[in-house]
Amino acid sequence: MYGHLDCKRVYDLAVETDGIRVLVDRLWPRGVRKEDAQISHWLKNVAPSPQLRTWFAHDPNRFTEFSTLYREELDTDESHQQAVGQIVQWLQEGPVTLVYAARDAQHNHAVVLKAYVLDRLR
């Protein structure tokens, strides 16, 4: 049995039901002190490649193609696979929240990552 997997902005208040809070951005979020973020783990290696992140530029019109390209990275990159495996392992312990800094809650890599992990668990 697995815990609940969720996504949440790093700027939102951390709550106990978040469980293990995993920052999934390659860069530390601006204006956030490490003590305030209440991050359990920082998985830089699961974030999209710098090239893909730069190309996407958080443009909602590119989100579908970005999702496909990011899933390809998750499928083929060994460090991505290790990070996904770690998330799955934490889910065996209880709830996990993927924490990200992007402003758009619907068009970001954490949403794609969450769907990818859930697909892997099926």
PDB file of N, CA and C in Angstrom:
ATOM      1  N   MET A   1       0.844  -1.188   0.000  1.00  0.00           N
ATOM      2  CA  MET A   1       0.000   0.000   0.000  1.00  0.00           C
ATOM      3  C   MET A   1       0.885   1.246   0.000  1.00  0.00           C
ATOM      4  N   TYR A   2       0.469   2.226  -0.749  1.00  0.00           N
ATOM      5  CA  TYR A   2       1.245   3.449  -0.875  1.00  0.00           C
ATOM      6  C   TYR A   2       0.518   4.626  -0.234  1.00  0.00           C
ATOM      7  N   GLY A   3       1.303   5.612   0.199  1.00  0.00           N
ATOM      8  CA  GLY A   3       0.741   6.842   0.732  1.00  0.00           C
ATOM      9  C   GLY A   3       0.242   7.723  -0.389  1.00  0.00           C
ATOM     10  N   HIS A   4      -0.386   8.801  -0.016  1.00  0.00           N
ATOM     11  CA  HIS A   4      -0.925   9.781  -0.964  1.00  0.00           C
ATOM     12  C   HIS A   4       0.218  10.617  -1.547  1.00  0.00           C
ATOM     13  N   LEU A   5       0.146  10.900  -2.846  1.00  0.00           N
ATOM     14  CA  LEU A   5       1.132  11.742  -3.517  1.00  0.00           C
ATOM     15  C   LEU A   5       0.461  13.044  -3.921  1.00  0.00           C
ATOM     16  N   ASP A   6       1.076  14.160  -3.554  1.00  0.00           N
ATOM     17  CA  ASP A   6       0.491  15.460  -3.854  1.00  0.00           C
ATOM     18  C   ASP A   6       1.584  16.410  -4.348  1.00  0.00           C
ATOM     19  N   CYS A   7       1.171  17.563  -4.876  1.00  0.00           N
ATOM     20  CA  CYS A   7       2.071  18.632  -5.302  1.00  0.00           C
ATOM     21  C   CYS A   7       1.679  19.901  -4.566  1.00  0.00           C
ATOM     22  N   LYS A   8       2.679  20.725  -4.262  1.00  0.00           N
ATOM     23  CA  LYS A   8       2.407  21.945  -3.515  1.00  0.00           C
ATOM     24  C   LYS A   8       3.522  22.960  -3.771  1.00  0.00           C
ATOM     25  N   ARG A   9       3.137  24.230  -3.863  1.00  0.00           N
ATOM     26  CA  ARG A   9       4.142  25.284  -4.014  1.00  0.00           C
ATOM     27  C   ARG A   9       4.941  25.429  -2.732  1.00  0.00           C
ATOM     28  N   VAL A  10       6.198  25.702  -2.853  1.00  0.00           N
ATOM     29  CA  VAL A  10       7.069  25.881  -1.697  1.00  0.00           C
ATOM     30  C   VAL A  10       6.643  27.095  -0.882  1.00  0.00           C
ATOM     31  N   TYR A  11       5.939  28.020  -1.511  1.00  0.00           N
ATOM     32  CA  TYR A  11       5.505  29.238  -0.837  1.00  0.00           C
ATOM     33  C   TYR A  11       4.223  29.032  -0.023  1.00  0.00           C
ATOM     34  N   ASP A  12       3.562  27.876  -0.205  1.00  0.00           N
ATOM     35  CA  ASP A  12       2.368  27.546   0.572  1.00  0.00           C
ATOM     36  C   ASP A  12       2.778  26.984   1.924  1.00  0.00           C
ATOM     37  N   LEU A  13       1.930  27.156   2.892  1.00  0.00           N
ATOM     38  CA  LEU A  13       2.202  26.718   4.250  1.00  0.00           C
ATOM     39  C   LEU A  13       2.347  25.196   4.318  1.00  0.00           C
ATOM     40  N   ALA A  14       3.394  24.744   4.969  1.00  0.00           N
ATOM     41  CA  ALA A  14       3.583  23.306   5.194  1.00  0.00           C
ATOM     42  C   ALA A  14       2.637  22.858   6.304  1.00  0.00           C
ATOM     43  N   VAL A  15       2.021  21.697   6.100  1.00  0.00           N
ATOM     44  CA  VAL A  15       1.137  21.122   7.113  1.00  0.00           C
ATOM     45  C   VAL A  15       1.551  19.675   7.361  1.00  0.00           C
ATOM     46  N   GLU A  16       1.158  19.147   8.490  1.00  0.00           N
ATOM     47  CA  GLU A  16       1.573  17.804   8.884  1.00  0.00           C
ATOM     48  C   GLU A  16       1.142  16.746   7.867  1.00  0.00           C
ATOM     49  N   THR A  17      -0.020  16.941   7.250  1.00  0.00           N
ATOM     50  CA  THR A  17      -0.520  15.945   6.298  1.00  0.00           C
ATOM     51  C   THR A  17       0.278  15.913   4.991  1.00  0.00           C
ATOM     52  N   ASP A  18       1.216  16.864   4.809  1.00  0.00           N
ATOM     53  CA  ASP A  18       2.097  16.822   3.630  1.00  0.00           C
ATOM     54  C   ASP A  18       2.974  15.575   3.655  1.00  0.00           C
ATOM     55  N   GLY A  19       3.237  15.048   4.833  1.00  0.00           N
ATOM     56  CA  GLY A  19       4.131  13.902   4.949  1.00  0.00           C
ATOM     57  C   GLY A  19       5.553  14.303   4.613  1.00  0.00           C
ATOM     58  N   ILE A  20       6.208  13.496   3.803  1.00  0.00           N
ATOM     59  CA  ILE A  20       7.576  13.779   3.372  1.00  0.00           C
ATOM     60  C   ILE A  20       7.516  14.842   2.283  1.00  0.00           C
ATOM     61  N   ARG A  21       8.142  15.979   2.551  1.00  0.00           N
ATOM     62  CA  ARG A  21       8.141  17.091   1.595  1.00  0.00           C
ATOM     63  C   ARG A  21       9.436  17.049   0.782  1.00  0.00           C
ATOM     64  N   VAL A  22       9.276  16.880  -0.541  1.00  0.00           N
ATOM     65  CA  VAL A  22      10.417  16.698  -1.429  1.00  0.00           C
ATOM     66  C   VAL A  22      10.476  17.851  -2.427  1.00  0.00           C
ATOM     67  N   LEU A  23      11.518  18.662  -2.335  1.00  0.00           N
ATOM     68  CA  LEU A  23      11.719  19.722  -3.318  1.00  0.00           C
ATOM     69  C   LEU A  23      12.208  19.081  -4.606  1.00  0.00           C
ATOM     70  N   VAL A  24      11.490  19.340  -5.710  1.00  0.00           N
ATOM     71  CA  VAL A  24      11.825  18.700  -6.984  1.00  0.00           C
ATOM     72  C   VAL A  24      12.316  19.710  -8.014  1.00  0.00           C
ATOM     73  N   ASP A  25      12.804  20.857  -7.562  1.00  0.00           N
ATOM     74  CA  ASP A  25      13.400  21.867  -8.435  1.00  0.00           C
ATOM     75  C   ASP A  25      14.915  21.726  -8.426  1.00  0.00           C
ATOM     76  N   ARG A  26      15.524  22.066  -9.542  1.00  0.00           N
ATOM     77  CA  ARG A  26      16.978  22.008  -9.644  1.00  0.00           C
ATOM     78  C   ARG A  26      17.639  23.136  -8.853  1.00  0.00           C
ATOM     79  N   LEU A  27      16.965  24.273  -8.771  1.00  0.00           N
ATOM     80  CA  LEU A  27      17.489  25.441  -8.067  1.00  0.00           C
ATOM     81  C   LEU A  27      16.655  25.699  -6.818  1.00  0.00           C
ATOM     82  N   TRP A  28      17.309  26.207  -5.769  1.00  0.00           N
ATOM     83  CA  TRP A  28      16.571  26.544  -4.548  1.00  0.00           C
ATOM     84  C   TRP A  28      15.657  27.741  -4.847  1.00  0.00           C
ATOM     85  N   PRO A  29      14.415  27.708  -4.389  1.00  0.00           N
ATOM     86  CA  PRO A  29      13.456  28.784  -4.677  1.00  0.00           C
ATOM     87  C   PRO A  29      13.890  30.131  -4.089  1.00  0.00           C
ATOM     88  N   ARG A  30      13.673  31.179  -4.834  1.00  0.00           N
ATOM     89  CA  ARG A  30      14.039  32.529  -4.405  1.00  0.00           C
ATOM     90  C   ARG A  30      13.209  32.956  -3.199  1.00  0.00           C
ATOM     91  N   GLY A  31      13.876  33.627  -2.281  1.00  0.00           N
ATOM     92  CA  GLY A  31      13.189  34.229  -1.154  1.00  0.00           C
ATOM     93  C   GLY A  31      12.696  33.267  -0.099  1.00  0.00           C
ATOM     94  N   VAL A  32      13.141  32.011  -0.153  1.00  0.00           N
ATOM     95  CA  VAL A  32      12.685  31.015   0.813  1.00  0.00           C
ATOM     96  C   VAL A  32      13.875  30.552   1.646  1.00  0.00           C
ATOM     97  N   ARG A  33      13.748  30.713   2.960  1.00  0.00           N
ATOM     98  CA  ARG A  33      14.794  30.213   3.844  1.00  0.00           C
ATOM     99  C   ARG A  33      14.600  28.716   4.033  1.00  0.00           C
ATOM    100  N   LYS A  34      15.696  27.994   4.097  1.00  0.00           N
ATOM    101  CA  LYS A  34      15.616  26.537   4.226  1.00  0.00           C
ATOM    102  C   LYS A  34      14.829  26.120   5.456  1.00  0.00           C
ATOM    103  N   GLU A  35      14.948  26.867   6.539  1.00  0.00           N
ATOM    104  CA  GLU A  35      14.226  26.532   7.764  1.00  0.00           C
ATOM    105  C   GLU A  35      12.719  26.691   7.570  1.00  0.00           C
ATOM    106  N   ASP A  36      12.319  27.681   6.791  1.00  0.00           N
ATOM    107  CA  ASP A  36      10.898  27.960   6.584  1.00  0.00           C
ATOM    108  C   ASP A  36      10.243  26.974   5.612  1.00  0.00           C
ATOM    109  N   ALA A  37      11.002  26.426   4.688  1.00  0.00           N
ATOM    110  CA  ALA A  37      10.444  25.550   3.662  1.00  0.00           C
ATOM    111  C   ALA A  37      10.031  24.185   4.208  1.00  0.00           C
ATOM    112  N   GLN A  38      10.640  23.773   5.298  1.00  0.00           N
ATOM    113  CA  GLN A  38      10.357  22.470   5.905  1.00  0.00           C
ATOM    114  C   GLN A  38      10.450  21.336   4.869  1.00  0.00           C
ATOM    115  N   ILE A  39      11.543  21.350   4.137  1.00  0.00           N
ATOM    116  CA  ILE A  39      11.801  20.333   3.117  1.00  0.00           C
ATOM    117  C   ILE A  39      12.479  19.136   3.774  1.00  0.00           C
ATOM    118  N   SER A  40      11.938  17.943   3.520  1.00  0.00           N
ATOM    119  CA  SER A  40      12.541  16.719   4.049  1.00  0.00           C
ATOM    120  C   SER A  40      13.726  16.288   3.190  1.00  0.00           C
ATOM    121  N   HIS A  41      13.573  16.419   1.866  1.00  0.00           N
ATOM    122  CA  HIS A  41      14.603  15.996   0.914  1.00  0.00           C
ATOM    123  C   HIS A  41      14.565  16.925  -0.291  1.00  0.00           C
ATOM    124  N   TRP A  42      15.730  17.080  -0.917  1.00  0.00           N
ATOM    125  CA  TRP A  42      15.838  17.883  -2.135  1.00  0.00           C
ATOM    126  C   TRP A  42      16.363  16.975  -3.235  1.00  0.00           C
ATOM    127  N   LEU A  43      15.501  16.650  -4.207  1.00  0.00           N
ATOM    128  CA  LEU A  43      15.889  15.794  -5.328  1.00  0.00           C
ATOM    129  C   LEU A  43      16.115  16.651  -6.572  1.00  0.00           C
ATOM    130  N   LYS A  44      17.288  17.253  -6.667  1.00  0.00           N
ATOM    131  CA  LYS A  44      17.619  18.084  -7.831  1.00  0.00           C
ATOM    132  C   LYS A  44      17.594  17.259  -9.115  1.00  0.00           C
ATOM    133  N   ASN A  45      18.018  15.989  -9.005  1.00  0.00           N
ATOM    134  CA  ASN A  45      18.192  15.154 -10.197  1.00  0.00           C
ATOM    135  C   ASN A  45      16.892  14.745 -10.875  1.00  0.00           C
ATOM    136  N   VAL A  46      15.752  14.978 -10.239  1.00  0.00           N
ATOM    137  CA  VAL A  46      14.487  14.594 -10.863  1.00  0.00           C
ATOM    138  C   VAL A  46      13.891  15.750 -11.673  1.00  0.00           C
ATOM    139  N   ALA A  47      14.452  16.926 -11.528  1.00  0.00           N
ATOM    140  CA  ALA A  47      13.966  18.092 -12.276  1.00  0.00           C
ATOM    141  C   ALA A  47      14.303  17.945 -13.761  1.00  0.00           C
ATOM    142  N   PRO A  48      13.551  18.626 -14.617  1.00  0.00           N
ATOM    143  CA  PRO A  48      13.874  18.587 -16.051  1.00  0.00           C
ATOM    144  C   PRO A  48      15.282  19.122 -16.300  1.00  0.00           C
ATOM    145  N   SER A  49      15.870  18.694 -17.388  1.00  0.00           N
ATOM    146  CA  SER A  49      17.196  19.191 -17.753  1.00  0.00           C
ATOM    147  C   SER A  49      17.140  20.704 -17.919  1.00  0.00           C
ATOM    148  N   PRO A  50      18.268  21.370 -17.703  1.00  0.00           N
ATOM    149  CA  PRO A  50      18.277  22.832 -17.893  1.00  0.00           C
ATOM    150  C   PRO A  50      17.816  23.251 -19.295  1.00  0.00           C
ATOM    151  N   GLN A  51      18.185  22.474 -20.304  1.00  0.00           N
ATOM    152  CA  GLN A  51      17.783  22.801 -21.673  1.00  0.00           C
ATOM    153  C   GLN A  51      16.268  22.728 -21.830  1.00  0.00           C
ATOM    154  N   LEU A  52      15.652  21.672 -21.285  1.00  0.00           N
ATOM    155  CA  LEU A  52      14.210  21.512 -21.404  1.00  0.00           C
ATOM    156  C   LEU A  52      13.480  22.582 -20.589  1.00  0.00           C
ATOM    157  N   ARG A  53      13.970  22.857 -19.408  1.00  0.00           N
ATOM    158  CA  ARG A  53      13.356  23.868 -18.549  1.00  0.00           C
ATOM    159  C   ARG A  53      13.403  25.241 -19.221  1.00  0.00           C
ATOM    160  N   THR A  54      14.546  25.574 -19.819  1.00  0.00           N
ATOM    161  CA  THR A  54      14.700  26.857 -20.502  1.00  0.00           C
ATOM    162  C   THR A  54      13.767  26.948 -21.704  1.00  0.00           C
ATOM    163  N   TRP A  55      13.690  25.864 -22.478  1.00  0.00           N
ATOM    164  CA  TRP A  55      12.805  25.850 -23.649  1.00  0.00           C
ATOM    165  C   TRP A  55      11.346  26.025 -23.233  1.00  0.00           C
ATOM    166  N   PHE A  56      10.919  25.320 -22.192  1.00  0.00           N
ATOM    167  CA  PHE A  56       9.530  25.378 -21.732  1.00  0.00           C
ATOM    168  C   PHE A  56       9.174  26.777 -21.238  1.00  0.00           C
ATOM    169  N   ALA A  57      10.033  27.364 -20.428  1.00  0.00           N
ATOM    170  CA  ALA A  57       9.848  28.730 -19.913  1.00  0.00           C
ATOM    171  C   ALA A  57       8.458  28.937 -19.299  1.00  0.00           C
ATOM    172  N   HIS A  58       7.875  27.891 -18.756  1.00  0.00           N
ATOM    173  CA  HIS A  58       6.552  27.938 -18.104  1.00  0.00           C
ATOM    174  C   HIS A  58       5.467  28.493 -19.019  1.00  0.00           C
ATOM    175  N   ASP A  59       5.593  28.216 -20.316  1.00  0.00           N
ATOM    176  CA  ASP A  59       4.598  28.645 -21.299  1.00  0.00           C
ATOM    177  C   ASP A  59       3.509  27.576 -21.387  1.00  0.00           C
ATOM    178  N   PRO A  60       2.291  27.880 -20.946  1.00  0.00           N
ATOM    179  CA  PRO A  60       1.214  26.878 -20.986  1.00  0.00           C
ATOM    180  C   PRO A  60       0.966  26.301 -22.377  1.00  0.00           C
ATOM    181  N   ASN A  61       1.266  27.082 -23.422  1.00  0.00           N
ATOM    182  CA  ASN A  61       1.079  26.592 -24.791  1.00  0.00           C
ATOM    183  C   ASN A  61       2.066  25.482 -25.146  1.00  0.00           C
ATOM    184  N   ARG A  62       3.156  25.379 -24.403  1.00  0.00           N
ATOM    185  CA  ARG A  62       4.159  24.342 -24.653  1.00  0.00           C
ATOM    186  C   ARG A  62       4.025  23.158 -23.682  1.00  0.00           C
ATOM    187  N   PHE A  63       3.036  23.216 -22.802  1.00  0.00           N
ATOM    188  CA  PHE A  63       2.967  22.228 -21.725  1.00  0.00           C
ATOM    189  C   PHE A  63       2.798  20.801 -22.228  1.00  0.00           C
ATOM    190  N   THR A  64       1.965  20.575 -23.213  1.00  0.00           N
ATOM    191  CA  THR A  64       1.750  19.216 -23.721  1.00  0.00           C
ATOM    192  C   THR A  64       3.047  18.635 -24.266  1.00  0.00           C
ATOM    193  N   GLU A  65       3.749  19.411 -25.087  1.00  0.00           N
ATOM    194  CA  GLU A  65       5.022  18.934 -25.638  1.00  0.00           C
ATOM    195  C   GLU A  65       6.063  18.800 -24.524  1.00  0.00           C
ATOM    196  N   PHE A  66       6.087  19.754 -23.606  1.00  0.00           N
ATOM    197  CA  PHE A  66       6.999  19.674 -22.466  1.00  0.00           C
ATOM    198  C   PHE A  66       6.773  18.389 -21.678  1.00  0.00           C
ATOM    199  N   SER A  67       5.513  18.057 -21.433  1.00  0.00           N
ATOM    200  CA  SER A  67       5.181  16.846 -20.677  1.00  0.00           C
ATOM    201  C   SER A  67       5.744  15.604 -21.350  1.00  0.00           C
ATOM    202  N   THR A  68       5.578  15.531 -22.653  1.00  0.00           N
ATOM    203  CA  THR A  68       6.093  14.390 -23.415  1.00  0.00           C
ATOM    204  C   THR A  68       7.618  14.325 -23.319  1.00  0.00           C
ATOM    205  N   LEU A  69       8.278  15.455 -23.509  1.00  0.00           N
ATOM    206  CA  LEU A  69       9.739  15.483 -23.475  1.00  0.00           C
ATOM    207  C   LEU A  69      10.276  15.185 -22.067  1.00  0.00           C
ATOM    208  N   TYR A  70       9.616  15.705 -21.049  1.00  0.00           N
ATOM    209  CA  TYR A  70      10.051  15.447 -19.672  1.00  0.00           C
ATOM    210  C   TYR A  70       9.858  13.981 -19.324  1.00  0.00           C
ATOM    211  N   ARG A  71       8.750  13.382 -19.747  1.00  0.00           N
ATOM    212  CA  ARG A  71       8.535  11.948 -19.501  1.00  0.00           C
ATOM    213  C   ARG A  71       9.619  11.109 -20.196  1.00  0.00           C
ATOM    214  N   GLU A  72      10.043  11.549 -21.372  1.00  0.00           N
ATOM    215  CA  GLU A  72      11.142  10.850 -22.064  1.00  0.00           C
ATOM    216  C   GLU A  72      12.421  10.931 -21.233  1.00  0.00           C
ATOM    217  N   GLU A  73      12.693  12.106 -20.669  1.00  0.00           N
ATOM    218  CA  GLU A  73      13.859  12.236 -19.792  1.00  0.00           C
ATOM    219  C   GLU A  73      13.717  11.315 -18.575  1.00  0.00           C
ATOM    220  N   LEU A  74      12.534  11.284 -17.992  1.00  0.00           N
ATOM    221  CA  LEU A  74      12.312  10.430 -16.821  1.00  0.00           C
ATOM    222  C   LEU A  74      12.510   8.955 -17.172  1.00  0.00           C
ATOM    223  N   ASP A  75      12.121   8.576 -18.387  1.00  0.00           N
ATOM    224  CA  ASP A  75      12.261   7.180 -18.840  1.00  0.00           C
ATOM    225  C   ASP A  75      13.701   6.784 -19.121  1.00  0.00           C
ATOM    226  N   THR A  76      14.497   7.730 -19.610  1.00  0.00           N
ATOM    227  CA  THR A  76      15.802   7.360 -20.163  1.00  0.00           C
ATOM    228  C   THR A  76      17.008   7.772 -19.323  1.00  0.00           C
ATOM    229  N   ASP A  77      16.859   8.738 -18.444  1.00  0.00           N
ATOM    230  CA  ASP A  77      17.992   9.230 -17.674  1.00  0.00           C
ATOM    231  C   ASP A  77      18.116   8.450 -16.365  1.00  0.00           C
ATOM    232  N   GLU A  78      19.283   7.893 -16.122  1.00  0.00           N
ATOM    233  CA  GLU A  78      19.496   7.053 -14.939  1.00  0.00           C
ATOM    234  C   GLU A  78      19.288   7.816 -13.630  1.00  0.00           C
ATOM    235  N   SER A  79      19.760   9.059 -13.554  1.00  0.00           N
ATOM    236  CA  SER A  79      19.592   9.817 -12.310  1.00  0.00           C
ATOM    237  C   SER A  79      18.121  10.149 -12.067  1.00  0.00           C
ATOM    238  N   HIS A  80      17.370  10.383 -13.145  1.00  0.00           N
ATOM    239  CA  HIS A  80      15.920  10.595 -13.011  1.00  0.00           C
ATOM    240  C   HIS A  80      15.267   9.315 -12.476  1.00  0.00           C
ATOM    241  N   GLN A  81      15.652   8.183 -13.029  1.00  0.00           N
ATOM    242  CA  GLN A  81      15.066   6.906 -12.605  1.00  0.00           C
ATOM    243  C   GLN A  81      15.358   6.612 -11.135  1.00  0.00           C
ATOM    244  N   GLN A  82      16.564   6.912 -10.693  1.00  0.00           N
ATOM    245  CA  GLN A  82      16.911   6.711  -9.286  1.00  0.00           C
ATOM    246  C   GLN A  82      16.065   7.601  -8.384  1.00  0.00           C
ATOM    247  N   ALA A  83      15.868   8.846  -8.793  1.00  0.00           N
ATOM    248  CA  ALA A  83      15.067   9.783  -8.001  1.00  0.00           C
ATOM    249  C   ALA A  83      13.607   9.342  -7.940  1.00  0.00           C
ATOM    250  N   VAL A  84      13.071   8.878  -9.060  1.00  0.00           N
ATOM    251  CA  VAL A  84      11.689   8.377  -9.077  1.00  0.00           C
ATOM    252  C   VAL A  84      11.571   7.157  -8.163  1.00  0.00           C
ATOM    253  N   GLY A  85      12.561   6.278  -8.218  1.00  0.00           N
ATOM    254  CA  GLY A  85      12.572   5.116  -7.332  1.00  0.00           C
ATOM    255  C   GLY A  85      12.581   5.518  -5.871  1.00  0.00           C
ATOM    256  N   GLN A  86      13.298   6.582  -5.547  1.00  0.00           N
ATOM    257  CA  GLN A  86      13.334   7.073  -4.176  1.00  0.00           C
ATOM    258  C   GLN A  86      11.961   7.598  -3.748  1.00  0.00           C
ATOM    259  N   ILE A  87      11.287   8.309  -4.637  1.00  0.00           N
ATOM    260  CA  ILE A  87       9.935   8.803  -4.334  1.00  0.00           C
ATOM    261  C   ILE A  87       8.994   7.633  -4.068  1.00  0.00           C
ATOM    262  N   VAL A  88       9.072   6.607  -4.898  1.00  0.00           N
ATOM    263  CA  VAL A  88       8.242   5.417  -4.705  1.00  0.00           C
ATOM    264  C   VAL A  88       8.539   4.777  -3.350  1.00  0.00           C
ATOM    265  N   GLN A  89       9.796   4.710  -2.992  1.00  0.00           N
ATOM    266  CA  GLN A  89      10.183   4.143  -1.695  1.00  0.00           C
ATOM    267  C   GLN A  89       9.584   4.952  -0.541  1.00  0.00           C
ATOM    268  N   TRP A  90       9.640   6.285  -0.631  1.00  0.00           N
ATOM    269  CA  TRP A  90       9.053   7.126   0.407  1.00  0.00           C
ATOM    270  C   TRP A  90       7.543   6.943   0.477  1.00  0.00           C
ATOM    271  N   LEU A  91       6.903   6.727  -0.670  1.00  0.00           N
ATOM    272  CA  LEU A  91       5.457   6.513  -0.691  1.00  0.00           C
ATOM    273  C   LEU A  91       5.064   5.249   0.068  1.00  0.00           C
ATOM    274  N   GLN A  92       5.976   4.304   0.171  1.00  0.00           N
ATOM    275  CA  GLN A  92       5.704   3.094   0.951  1.00  0.00           C
ATOM    276  C   GLN A  92       5.646   3.410   2.444  1.00  0.00           C
ATOM    277  N   GLU A  93       6.244   4.531   2.855  1.00  0.00           N
ATOM    278  CA  GLU A  93       6.249   4.940   4.257  1.00  0.00           C
ATOM    279  C   GLU A  93       5.042   5.804   4.610  1.00  0.00           C
ATOM    280  N   GLY A  94       4.435   6.445   3.608  1.00  0.00           N
ATOM    281  CA  GLY A  94       3.292   7.323   3.871  1.00  0.00           C
ATOM    282  C   GLY A  94       3.173   8.401   2.822  1.00  0.00           C
ATOM    283  N   PRO A  95       2.460   9.490   3.149  1.00  0.00           N
ATOM    284  CA  PRO A  95       2.240  10.547   2.157  1.00  0.00           C
ATOM    285  C   PRO A  95       3.534  11.269   1.765  1.00  0.00           C
ATOM    286  N   VAL A  96       3.562  11.701   0.509  1.00  0.00           N
ATOM    287  CA  VAL A  96       4.689  12.457  -0.033  1.00  0.00           C
ATOM    288  C   VAL A  96       4.120  13.661  -0.772  1.00  0.00           C
ATOM    289  N   THR A  97       4.735  14.816  -0.565  1.00  0.00           N
ATOM    290  CA  THR A  97       4.347  16.027  -1.289  1.00  0.00           C
ATOM    291  C   THR A  97       5.534  16.503  -2.113  1.00  0.00           C
ATOM    292  N   LEU A  98       5.308  16.612  -3.425  1.00  0.00           N
ATOM    293  CA  LEU A  98       6.316  17.141  -4.336  1.00  0.00           C
ATOM    294  C   LEU A  98       6.217  18.663  -4.281  1.00  0.00           C
ATOM    295  N   VAL A  99       7.284  19.303  -3.861  1.00  0.00           N
ATOM    296  CA  VAL A  99       7.286  20.744  -3.643  1.00  0.00           C
ATOM    297  C   VAL A  99       8.038  21.419  -4.790  1.00  0.00           C
ATOM    298  N   TYR A 100       7.439  22.497  -5.311  1.00  0.00           N
ATOM    299  CA  TYR A 100       8.007  23.207  -6.459  1.00  0.00           C
ATOM    300  C   TYR A 100       7.820  24.705  -6.264  1.00  0.00           C
ATOM    301  N   ALA A 101       8.488  25.514  -7.080  1.00  0.00           N
ATOM    302  CA  ALA A 101       8.415  26.968  -6.947  1.00  0.00           C
ATOM    303  C   ALA A 101       7.589  27.646  -8.034  1.00  0.00           C
ATOM    304  N   ALA A 102       7.282  26.977  -9.106  1.00  0.00           N
ATOM    305  CA  ALA A 102       6.580  27.603 -10.235  1.00  0.00           C
ATOM    306  C   ALA A 102       5.272  28.258  -9.793  1.00  0.00           C
ATOM    307  N   ARG A 103       4.928  29.353 -10.446  1.00  0.00           N
ATOM    308  CA  ARG A 103       3.688  30.069 -10.114  1.00  0.00           C
ATOM    309  C   ARG A 103       2.446  29.318 -10.577  1.00  0.00           C
ATOM    310  N   ASP A 104       2.528  28.708 -11.746  1.00  0.00           N
ATOM    311  CA  ASP A 104       1.376  28.033 -12.350  1.00  0.00           C
ATOM    312  C   ASP A 104       1.235  26.634 -11.757  1.00  0.00           C
ATOM    313  N   ALA A 105       0.152  26.408 -11.036  1.00  0.00           N
ATOM    314  CA  ALA A 105      -0.056  25.136 -10.342  1.00  0.00           C
ATOM    315  C   ALA A 105      -0.489  24.017 -11.282  1.00  0.00           C
ATOM    316  N   GLN A 106      -0.884  24.340 -12.505  1.00  0.00           N
ATOM    317  CA  GLN A 106      -1.354  23.317 -13.441  1.00  0.00           C
ATOM    318  C   GLN A 106      -0.345  22.972 -14.523  1.00  0.00           C
ATOM    319  N   HIS A 107       0.540  23.900 -14.832  1.00  0.00           N
ATOM    320  CA  HIS A 107       1.489  23.711 -15.934  1.00  0.00           C
ATOM    321  C   HIS A 107       2.918  23.780 -15.404  1.00  0.00           C
ATOM    322  N   ASN A 108       3.348  22.735 -14.703  1.00  0.00           N
ATOM    323  CA  ASN A 108       4.714  22.697 -14.184  1.00  0.00           C
ATOM    324  C   ASN A 108       5.206  21.258 -14.134  1.00  0.00           C
ATOM    325  N   HIS A 109       6.483  21.091 -13.937  1.00  0.00           N
ATOM    326  CA  HIS A 109       7.075  19.757 -13.994  1.00  0.00           C
ATOM    327  C   HIS A 109       6.636  18.857 -12.839  1.00  0.00           C
ATOM    328  N   ALA A 110       6.286  19.429 -11.693  1.00  0.00           N
ATOM    329  CA  ALA A 110       5.852  18.602 -10.563  1.00  0.00           C
ATOM    330  C   ALA A 110       4.555  17.875 -10.892  1.00  0.00           C
ATOM    331  N   VAL A 111       3.675  18.517 -11.643  1.00  0.00           N
ATOM    332  CA  VAL A 111       2.419  17.883 -12.061  1.00  0.00           C
ATOM    333  C   VAL A 111       2.718  16.690 -12.969  1.00  0.00           C
ATOM    334  N   VAL A 112       3.649  16.869 -13.887  1.00  0.00           N
ATOM    335  CA  VAL A 112       4.044  15.784 -14.793  1.00  0.00           C
ATOM    336  C   VAL A 112       4.701  14.656 -14.000  1.00  0.00           C
ATOM    337  N   LEU A 113       5.573  15.021 -13.074  1.00  0.00           N
ATOM    338  CA  LEU A 113       6.264  14.030 -12.252  1.00  0.00           C
ATOM    339  C   LEU A 113       5.277  13.225 -11.416  1.00  0.00           C
ATOM    340  N   LYS A 114       4.309  13.892 -10.826  1.00  0.00           N
ATOM    341  CA  LYS A 114       3.298  13.197 -10.030  1.00  0.00           C
ATOM    342  C   LYS A 114       2.565  12.167 -10.887  1.00  0.00           C
ATOM    343  N   ALA A 115       2.110  12.576 -12.064  1.00  0.00           N
ATOM    344  CA  ALA A 115       1.405  11.655 -12.967  1.00  0.00           C
ATOM    345  C   ALA A 115       2.313  10.496 -13.371  1.00  0.00           C
ATOM    346  N   TYR A 116       3.571  10.795 -13.618  1.00  0.00           N
ATOM    347  CA  TYR A 116       4.541   9.768 -14.010  1.00  0.00           C
ATOM    348  C   TYR A 116       4.712   8.733 -12.896  1.00  0.00           C
ATOM    349  N   VAL A 117       4.876   9.199 -11.673  1.00  0.00           N
ATOM    350  CA  VAL A 117       5.052   8.285 -10.530  1.00  0.00           C
ATOM    351  C   VAL A 117       3.795   7.447 -10.341  1.00  0.00           C
ATOM    352  N   LEU A 118       2.627   8.074 -10.415  1.00  0.00           N
ATOM    353  CA  LEU A 118       1.380   7.324 -10.254  1.00  0.00           C
ATOM    354  C   LEU A 118       1.200   6.293 -11.361  1.00  0.00           C
ATOM    355  N   ASP A 119       1.582   6.630 -12.590  1.00  0.00           N
ATOM    356  CA  ASP A 119       1.542   5.660 -13.690  1.00  0.00           C
ATOM    357  C   ASP A 119       2.469   4.483 -13.399  1.00  0.00           C
ATOM    358  N   ARG A 120       3.599   4.764 -12.844  1.00  0.00           N
ATOM    359  CA  ARG A 120       4.575   3.707 -12.525  1.00  0.00           C
ATOM    360  C   ARG A 120       4.036   2.769 -11.439  1.00  0.00           C
ATOM    361  N   LEU A 121       3.241   3.302 -10.527  1.00  0.00           N
ATOM    362  CA  LEU A 121       2.692   2.479  -9.449  1.00  0.00           C
ATOM    363  C   LEU A 121       1.535   1.596  -9.908  1.00  0.00           C
ATOM    364  N   ARG A 122       0.941   1.908 -11.048  1.00  0.00           N
ATOM    365  CA  ARG A 122      -0.204   1.128 -11.549  1.00  0.00           C
ATOM    366  C   ARG A 122       0.221  -0.172 -12.174  1.00  0.00           C
TER     367      ARG A 122
END
